[in-house]
Protein backbone atom coordinates (compact mmCIF):
# COMPACT_ATOMS: atom_id res chain seq x y z
CA MET A 1 152.08 130.51 83.48
CA SER A 2 154.27 132.57 85.77
CA GLY A 3 153.22 133.46 89.30
CA THR A 4 152.90 137.16 88.50
CA HIS A 5 150.81 136.45 85.41
CA ALA A 6 148.58 134.08 87.39
CA ARG A 7 148.03 136.74 90.08
CA LEU A 8 147.18 139.35 87.44
CA THR A 9 144.75 136.97 85.76
CA ALA A 10 143.17 136.08 89.11
CA GLY A 11 142.83 139.79 89.88
CA ARG A 12 141.08 140.38 86.56
CA ILE A 13 138.71 137.51 87.21
CA GLU A 14 137.94 138.86 90.69
CA ARG A 15 137.20 142.34 89.30
CA ALA A 16 135.04 140.91 86.51
CA TRP A 17 133.15 138.82 89.03
CA GLY A 18 132.60 141.87 91.24
CA ARG A 19 131.18 143.76 88.26
CA ALA A 20 128.95 140.80 87.37
CA LEU A 21 127.62 140.68 90.94
CA GLN A 22 126.88 144.41 90.85
CA TRP A 23 125.08 143.96 87.52
CA LEU A 24 122.99 141.13 88.96
CA GLU A 25 122.13 143.19 92.04
CA LYS A 26 120.94 146.08 89.84
CA ARG A 27 118.63 143.73 87.93
CA ASP A 28 116.79 142.97 91.16
CA TRP A 29 116.45 139.31 90.27
CA ASP A 30 114.47 137.02 92.41
CA GLU A 31 116.69 135.37 94.98
CA GLY A 32 115.28 131.96 94.04
CA ALA A 33 116.22 132.39 90.38
CA THR A 34 119.78 133.31 91.29
CA LEU A 35 120.09 130.32 93.60
CA MET A 36 118.64 128.05 90.93
CA ILE A 37 121.23 129.18 88.40
CA PHE A 38 124.13 128.77 90.79
CA GLY A 39 122.68 125.53 92.16
CA ALA A 40 122.80 124.18 88.61
CA LEU A 41 126.41 125.38 88.33
CA VAL A 42 127.26 123.58 91.58
CA GLY A 43 125.56 120.47 90.22
CA LEU A 44 127.57 120.63 87.00
CA VAL A 45 130.90 121.09 88.78
CA THR A 46 130.01 118.34 91.27
CA GLY A 47 129.10 116.01 88.41
CA LEU A 48 132.54 116.57 86.90
CA ALA A 49 134.17 116.00 90.30
CA VAL A 50 132.23 112.75 90.79
CA PHE A 51 133.27 111.63 87.31
CA GLY A 52 136.90 112.30 88.30
CA PHE A 53 136.40 110.39 91.56
CA TYR A 54 135.18 107.31 89.69
CA ARG A 55 138.09 107.57 87.24
CA MET A 56 140.47 107.63 90.25
CA ILE A 57 138.81 104.44 91.49
CA ASP A 58 139.36 102.85 88.07
CA LEU A 59 143.00 103.95 88.07
CA ALA A 60 143.59 102.56 91.56
CA ASN A 61 141.95 99.28 90.51
CA LEU A 62 144.24 99.10 87.50
CA LEU A 63 147.37 99.85 89.54
CA PHE A 64 146.62 97.71 92.59
CA ILE A 65 144.55 94.81 91.25
CA ARG A 66 144.60 94.26 87.49
CA LEU A 67 148.24 95.04 86.66
CA PRO A 68 149.71 93.04 89.55
CA ALA A 69 147.41 90.10 88.78
CA SER A 70 148.51 90.03 85.15
CA ARG A 71 152.22 90.68 85.71
CA LEU A 72 153.22 89.00 88.94
CA VAL A 73 154.47 85.45 89.00
CA ARG A 74 153.16 83.13 91.70
CA ILE A 75 156.04 83.75 94.13
CA ALA A 76 155.53 87.49 93.95
CA HIS A 77 151.90 87.04 95.05
CA ALA A 78 153.22 86.20 98.53
CA LEU A 79 154.84 89.64 98.70
CA TYR A 80 151.86 91.42 97.21
CA GLN A 81 149.66 91.39 100.33
CA PRO A 82 152.29 92.79 102.73
CA VAL A 83 153.21 95.47 100.20
CA LEU A 84 149.54 96.39 99.73
CA THR A 85 149.07 96.51 103.52
CA ALA A 86 152.09 98.80 103.87
CA ALA A 87 150.69 101.01 101.11
CA GLY A 88 147.38 101.20 102.98
CA LEU A 89 149.13 102.21 106.19
CA TRP A 90 151.11 104.83 104.31
CA GLY A 91 147.87 106.11 102.78
CA ALA A 92 146.27 106.45 106.22
CA TRP A 93 149.32 108.35 107.47
CA PHE A 94 149.21 110.58 104.38
CA VAL A 95 145.54 111.45 104.88
CA ILE A 96 145.99 112.22 108.57
CA ARG A 97 149.08 114.30 107.85
CA ARG A 98 147.62 116.22 104.88
CA SER A 99 144.11 116.83 106.10
CA HIS A 100 145.09 118.60 109.34
CA VAL A 101 141.80 117.50 110.88
CA PRO A 102 141.86 115.07 113.82
CA ASP A 103 138.77 113.12 112.80
CA GLY A 104 137.01 112.73 109.49
CA GLN A 105 135.34 114.94 106.97
CA ASN A 106 132.23 112.88 106.55
CA VAL A 107 128.50 113.49 106.22
CA PRO A 108 127.94 114.39 109.92
CA ASP A 109 130.83 116.88 109.69
CA GLU A 110 129.15 118.47 106.67
CA GLN A 111 125.88 118.70 108.59
CA LEU A 112 127.74 120.39 111.43
CA ALA A 113 129.32 122.82 108.97
CA VAL A 114 125.88 123.81 107.72
CA ALA A 115 124.33 124.05 111.17
CA LYS A 116 127.14 125.75 113.09
CA ARG A 117 129.70 127.19 110.64
CA ASP A 118 127.53 128.91 108.01
CA GLY A 119 128.32 126.27 105.40
CA ASN A 120 132.10 126.72 105.62
CA ILE A 121 133.73 123.40 104.78
CA PRO A 122 137.53 123.07 104.70
CA THR A 123 138.60 121.94 101.23
CA ARG A 124 141.99 120.33 101.92
CA PRO A 125 140.81 117.48 104.18
CA VAL A 126 137.97 116.65 101.81
CA ILE A 127 140.34 116.36 98.85
CA ALA A 128 142.77 114.19 100.83
CA ARG A 129 140.00 111.90 102.05
CA THR A 130 138.39 111.70 98.61
CA VAL A 131 141.67 110.53 97.10
CA ALA A 132 142.11 108.05 99.96
CA SER A 133 138.56 106.75 99.44
CA ALA A 134 139.19 106.29 95.72
CA ILE A 135 142.36 104.33 96.42
CA THR A 136 140.60 102.24 99.07
CA LEU A 137 137.70 101.41 96.76
CA GLY A 138 139.93 100.79 93.76
CA SER A 139 142.25 98.47 95.65
CA GLY A 140 139.42 96.30 96.92
CA GLY A 141 138.74 97.94 100.26
CA SER A 142 135.37 97.63 101.85
CA ALA A 143 133.66 101.00 101.63
CA GLY A 144 130.91 102.75 99.76
CA SER A 145 131.25 105.59 97.31
CA GLU A 146 128.08 107.44 98.32
CA GLY A 147 129.53 109.15 101.41
CA PRO A 148 132.68 110.49 99.75
CA VAL A 149 130.79 111.87 96.75
CA ALA A 150 128.16 113.51 98.98
CA VAL A 151 130.95 115.18 100.96
CA LEU A 152 132.77 116.11 97.75
CA GLY A 153 129.61 117.70 96.35
CA ALA A 154 128.91 119.58 99.56
CA THR A 155 132.46 120.90 99.50
CA VAL A 156 132.07 122.05 95.89
CA GLY A 157 128.93 123.95 96.92
CA ALA A 158 130.67 125.49 99.93
CA ALA A 159 133.77 126.44 97.95
CA LEU A 160 131.81 128.05 95.12
CA GLY A 161 129.53 129.83 97.57
CA LYS A 162 132.50 131.18 99.48
CA ARG A 163 134.48 132.08 96.36
CA LEU A 164 131.51 133.85 94.82
CA ARG A 165 130.84 135.68 98.12
CA PHE A 166 127.37 134.34 98.77
CA GLN A 167 125.71 135.14 102.08
CA PRO A 168 125.88 132.29 104.63
CA ARG A 169 122.21 131.38 104.23
CA HIS A 170 122.67 131.07 100.46
CA ARG A 171 125.94 129.19 100.88
CA LYS A 172 124.10 126.60 102.98
CA ILE A 173 121.68 126.05 100.10
CA LEU A 174 124.58 125.56 97.68
CA VAL A 175 126.10 123.03 100.10
CA GLY A 176 122.84 121.09 99.94
CA CYS A 177 122.79 121.36 96.14
CA GLY A 178 126.30 119.95 95.99
CA ALA A 179 125.55 117.07 98.35
CA ALA A 180 122.43 116.19 96.35
CA ALA A 181 124.39 116.34 93.09
CA GLY A 182 127.07 114.08 94.57
CA ILE A 183 124.53 111.49 95.66
CA ALA A 184 122.79 111.71 92.28
CA GLY A 185 126.14 111.15 90.59
CA ALA A 186 126.82 108.10 92.77
CA PHE A 187 123.62 106.51 91.49
CA ASN A 188 124.03 107.72 87.87
CA ALA A 189 120.83 109.74 88.18
């Protein structure tokens, strides 16, 4: 798809969404019903994102643990640990460089975003740290998956709320829906 075609398609989607919002506003729906529908949408998208996160963990496990264990001869095992350490250091550098945030995007940062920034959560650092978490977990690192998926879900809620032009108080609810969906996905609920 060319850049011009993509912009035209995005413009059509934006106009169609604007018309859909106007239609919904004319129906005078209950605010709770609207939030329930979009909360379910956030939950669905978050569930798909959590599924992708766990597939990334499986891929990292395959690349960093199972394939090397089945293919490396004994002598190469001595080189494996320094190479894996160097890869981990490169990964940390990559996350710091790509996220453009000095500290982490973790659960307390999401709470701060809801409390102080109207549910605005930057997407780029969350994606970078989610990929880094998947690689860490898949390569045998000591971490849990609950935090990254809660943050991923909260970010899905914030991104959809912002993209769909929800008011800040409604966006905060969608952030909570996303975090809850992420945690539910972590426990296969």
